[in-house]
């Protein structure tokens, strides 16, 4: 029995778990600067400008899911950005934050209703990749949270930073 457990332990310790492949019907977007890549569903539209990327689902603004990422300016810290958001007197009263992991890196997750539009649920991640701070946003109508949450979770699970 001990020999079988030892053999199983050695076998499992030599297994390398790869990132899951791009889901069928999804596409991979690689940042023009080569800093990151992310998978997104077929039918979603990409708008890229400079360091900013926005990917939107089909549908009108009142039903649309939105993903966005931008590289923040060097010199600005993640903590300063988070503190600024929470100190804004007009921030949503249900705004919360917690430590998180994104692409294997420590991050801060902020979530709640969108400032100025309580019908929109937003989830933000603040993450530092070497010298580059990033702001990542997912938002969708509260009524569509059950529809968009699995999509956003798949997108965030696919995210990889390619260069520090």
Protein backbone atom coordinates (compact mmCIF):
# COMPACT_ATOMS: atom_id res chain seq x y z
CA UNK A 1 0.00 0.00 0.00
CA UNK A 2 2.80 2.42 0.93
CA UNK A 3 4.54 1.65 -2.37
CA UNK A 4 1.35 2.44 -4.30
CA UNK A 5 0.92 5.75 -2.46
CA UNK A 6 4.56 6.64 -3.08
CA UNK A 7 4.19 5.82 -6.80
CA UNK A 8 1.01 7.90 -7.04
CA UNK A 9 2.67 10.78 -5.19
CA UNK A 10 5.67 10.75 -7.56
CA UNK A 11 3.38 10.61 -10.59
CA UNK A 12 1.27 13.55 -9.42
CA UNK A 13 4.30 15.64 -8.51
CA UNK A 14 5.59 15.35 -12.08
CA UNK A 15 2.33 16.52 -13.71
CA UNK A 16 2.29 20.06 -15.10
CA UNK A 17 -1.12 21.63 -15.33
CA UNK A 18 -1.49 23.78 -18.46
CA UNK A 19 -3.84 26.68 -18.85
CA UNK A 20 -7.12 25.55 -20.33
CA UNK A 21 -7.40 26.02 -24.08
CA UNK A 22 -9.42 28.80 -25.65
CA UNK A 23 -13.10 27.77 -25.46
CA UNK A 24 -14.73 26.71 -28.73
CA UNK A 25 -16.18 29.75 -30.50
CA UNK A 26 -13.92 32.16 -28.64
CA UNK A 27 -11.05 34.27 -29.93
CA UNK A 28 -7.77 35.43 -28.40
CA UNK A 29 -6.79 39.09 -28.35
CA UNK A 30 -3.10 39.93 -27.87
CA UNK A 31 -2.31 43.48 -26.77
CA UNK A 32 -0.57 45.50 -29.51
CA UNK A 33 2.34 46.10 -27.12
CA UNK A 34 2.55 42.38 -26.40
CA UNK A 35 1.90 42.89 -22.68
CA UNK A 36 -1.09 40.56 -22.21
CA UNK A 37 -3.59 38.32 -23.93
CA UNK A 38 -7.20 37.49 -23.18
CA UNK A 39 -9.89 35.26 -24.70
CA UNK A 40 -13.31 36.66 -25.58
CA UNK A 41 -16.57 35.23 -27.00
CA UNK A 42 -17.46 35.16 -30.67
CA UNK A 43 -19.69 38.10 -31.62
CA UNK A 44 -18.15 40.51 -29.11
CA UNK A 45 -16.58 43.64 -30.56
CA UNK A 46 -13.11 45.00 -29.85
CA UNK A 47 -12.12 48.64 -29.65
CA UNK A 48 -8.43 49.24 -29.01
CA UNK A 49 -6.85 52.65 -28.65
CA UNK A 50 -3.34 53.12 -27.30
CA UNK A 51 -3.02 51.19 -24.04
CA UNK A 52 -6.79 50.81 -23.67
CA UNK A 53 -8.90 47.87 -24.81
CA UNK A 54 -12.69 47.58 -24.62
CA UNK A 55 -14.56 44.40 -25.59
CA UNK A 56 -18.37 44.63 -25.71
CA UNK A 57 -21.08 42.04 -26.08
CA UNK A 58 -23.78 42.33 -28.73
CA UNK A 59 -26.86 44.34 -27.75
CA UNK A 60 -27.80 47.83 -26.78
CA UNK A 61 -26.26 49.80 -23.91
CA UNK A 62 -29.01 48.75 -21.49
CA UNK A 63 -28.23 45.04 -21.94
CA UNK A 64 -24.56 45.00 -22.91
CA UNK A 65 -21.65 43.39 -21.07
CA UNK A 66 -18.38 45.30 -21.19
CA UNK A 67 -14.78 44.32 -20.50
CA UNK A 68 -12.04 46.95 -20.37
CA UNK A 69 -8.35 47.07 -19.54
CA UNK A 70 -5.92 49.94 -19.50
CA UNK A 71 -2.36 50.28 -18.42
CA UNK A 72 -2.16 53.09 -15.91
CA UNK A 73 0.64 55.64 -16.07
CA UNK A 74 3.89 54.69 -14.40
CA UNK A 75 4.32 56.51 -11.13
CA UNK A 76 0.68 56.10 -10.11
CA UNK A 77 0.20 53.36 -7.56
CA UNK A 78 -2.62 50.88 -7.40
CA UNK A 79 -3.34 51.83 -3.79
CA UNK A 80 -3.67 55.52 -4.71
CA UNK A 81 -6.22 54.61 -7.40
CA UNK A 82 -8.24 52.45 -5.00
CA UNK A 83 -8.12 55.05 -2.23
CA UNK A 84 -9.27 57.74 -4.68
CA UNK A 85 -12.24 55.61 -5.73
CA UNK A 86 -13.37 54.93 -2.15
CA UNK A 87 -12.83 58.52 -1.01
CA UNK A 88 -15.05 59.89 -3.80
CA UNK A 89 -18.16 61.15 -1.95
CA UNK A 90 -20.33 60.00 -4.87
CA UNK A 91 -19.09 56.40 -4.91
CA UNK A 92 -21.74 53.71 -4.80
CA UNK A 93 -22.78 52.81 -1.22
CA UNK A 94 -22.45 49.07 -1.99
CA UNK A 95 -18.81 49.35 -3.15
CA UNK A 96 -16.57 46.66 -1.62
CA UNK A 97 -12.98 45.47 -1.99
CA UNK A 98 -10.97 42.36 -1.28
CA UNK A 99 -7.59 40.85 -2.15
CA UNK A 100 -7.64 38.69 -5.28
CA UNK A 101 -5.38 36.86 -7.75
CA UNK A 102 -5.44 37.58 -11.45
CA UNK A 103 -3.15 35.88 -13.97
CA UNK A 104 -1.22 34.48 -11.01
CA UNK A 105 -0.50 37.95 -9.60
CA UNK A 106 -1.84 39.62 -6.48
CA UNK A 107 -4.60 42.10 -7.22
CA UNK A 108 -7.33 44.06 -5.51
CA UNK A 109 -10.90 43.35 -6.56
CA UNK A 110 -13.48 46.13 -6.22
CA UNK A 111 -17.16 45.50 -6.90
CA UNK A 112 -20.57 47.03 -6.53
CA UNK A 113 -22.97 49.22 -8.46
CA UNK A 114 -21.59 51.68 -10.97
CA UNK A 115 -21.24 55.24 -9.71
CA UNK A 116 -24.16 57.21 -11.15
CA UNK A 117 -26.04 54.13 -12.43
CA UNK A 118 -27.26 51.69 -9.78
CA UNK A 119 -28.64 49.39 -12.52
CA UNK A 120 -25.12 48.46 -13.62
CA UNK A 121 -22.96 46.02 -11.67
CA UNK A 122 -19.25 46.46 -12.05
CA UNK A 123 -16.23 44.45 -11.00
CA UNK A 124 -12.80 46.05 -11.17
CA UNK A 125 -9.34 44.63 -10.67
CA UNK A 126 -6.29 46.68 -9.85
CA UNK A 127 -3.12 44.75 -10.57
CA UNK A 128 0.59 45.49 -10.71
CA UNK A 129 2.64 43.59 -13.29
CA UNK A 130 6.26 44.57 -12.62
CA UNK A 131 6.39 48.35 -13.28
CA UNK A 132 3.03 48.40 -15.07
CA UNK A 133 -0.16 49.00 -13.08
CA UNK A 134 -3.36 47.85 -14.82
CA UNK A 135 -7.01 48.67 -14.31
CA UNK A 136 -9.46 45.98 -15.46
CA UNK A 137 -13.24 46.45 -15.58
CA UNK A 138 -16.22 44.19 -16.17
CA UNK A 139 -19.69 45.66 -16.13
CA UNK A 140 -23.19 44.56 -17.04
CA UNK A 141 -26.75 45.27 -15.95
CA UNK A 142 -27.59 43.82 -12.52
CA UNK A 143 -30.47 41.93 -14.17
CA UNK A 144 -27.98 40.16 -16.49
CA UNK A 145 -25.40 39.22 -13.85
CA UNK A 146 -26.25 35.50 -14.09
CA UNK A 147 -25.69 35.62 -17.85
CA UNK A 148 -22.44 37.58 -17.85
CA UNK A 149 -20.69 36.27 -14.71
CA UNK A 150 -19.63 32.94 -16.29
CA UNK A 151 -18.41 34.77 -19.41
CA UNK A 152 -16.42 37.29 -17.38
CA UNK A 153 -14.99 34.49 -15.20
CA UNK A 154 -13.84 32.63 -18.33
CA UNK A 155 -12.29 35.81 -19.70
CA UNK A 156 -10.45 36.60 -16.48
CA UNK A 157 -9.31 32.97 -16.20
CA UNK A 158 -7.80 33.18 -19.67
CA UNK A 159 -5.85 36.38 -19.01
CA UNK A 160 -2.08 36.14 -19.20
CA UNK A 161 0.57 38.80 -18.87
CA UNK A 162 3.23 38.11 -21.48
CA UNK A 163 5.99 40.52 -20.46
CA UNK A 164 6.77 42.18 -17.16
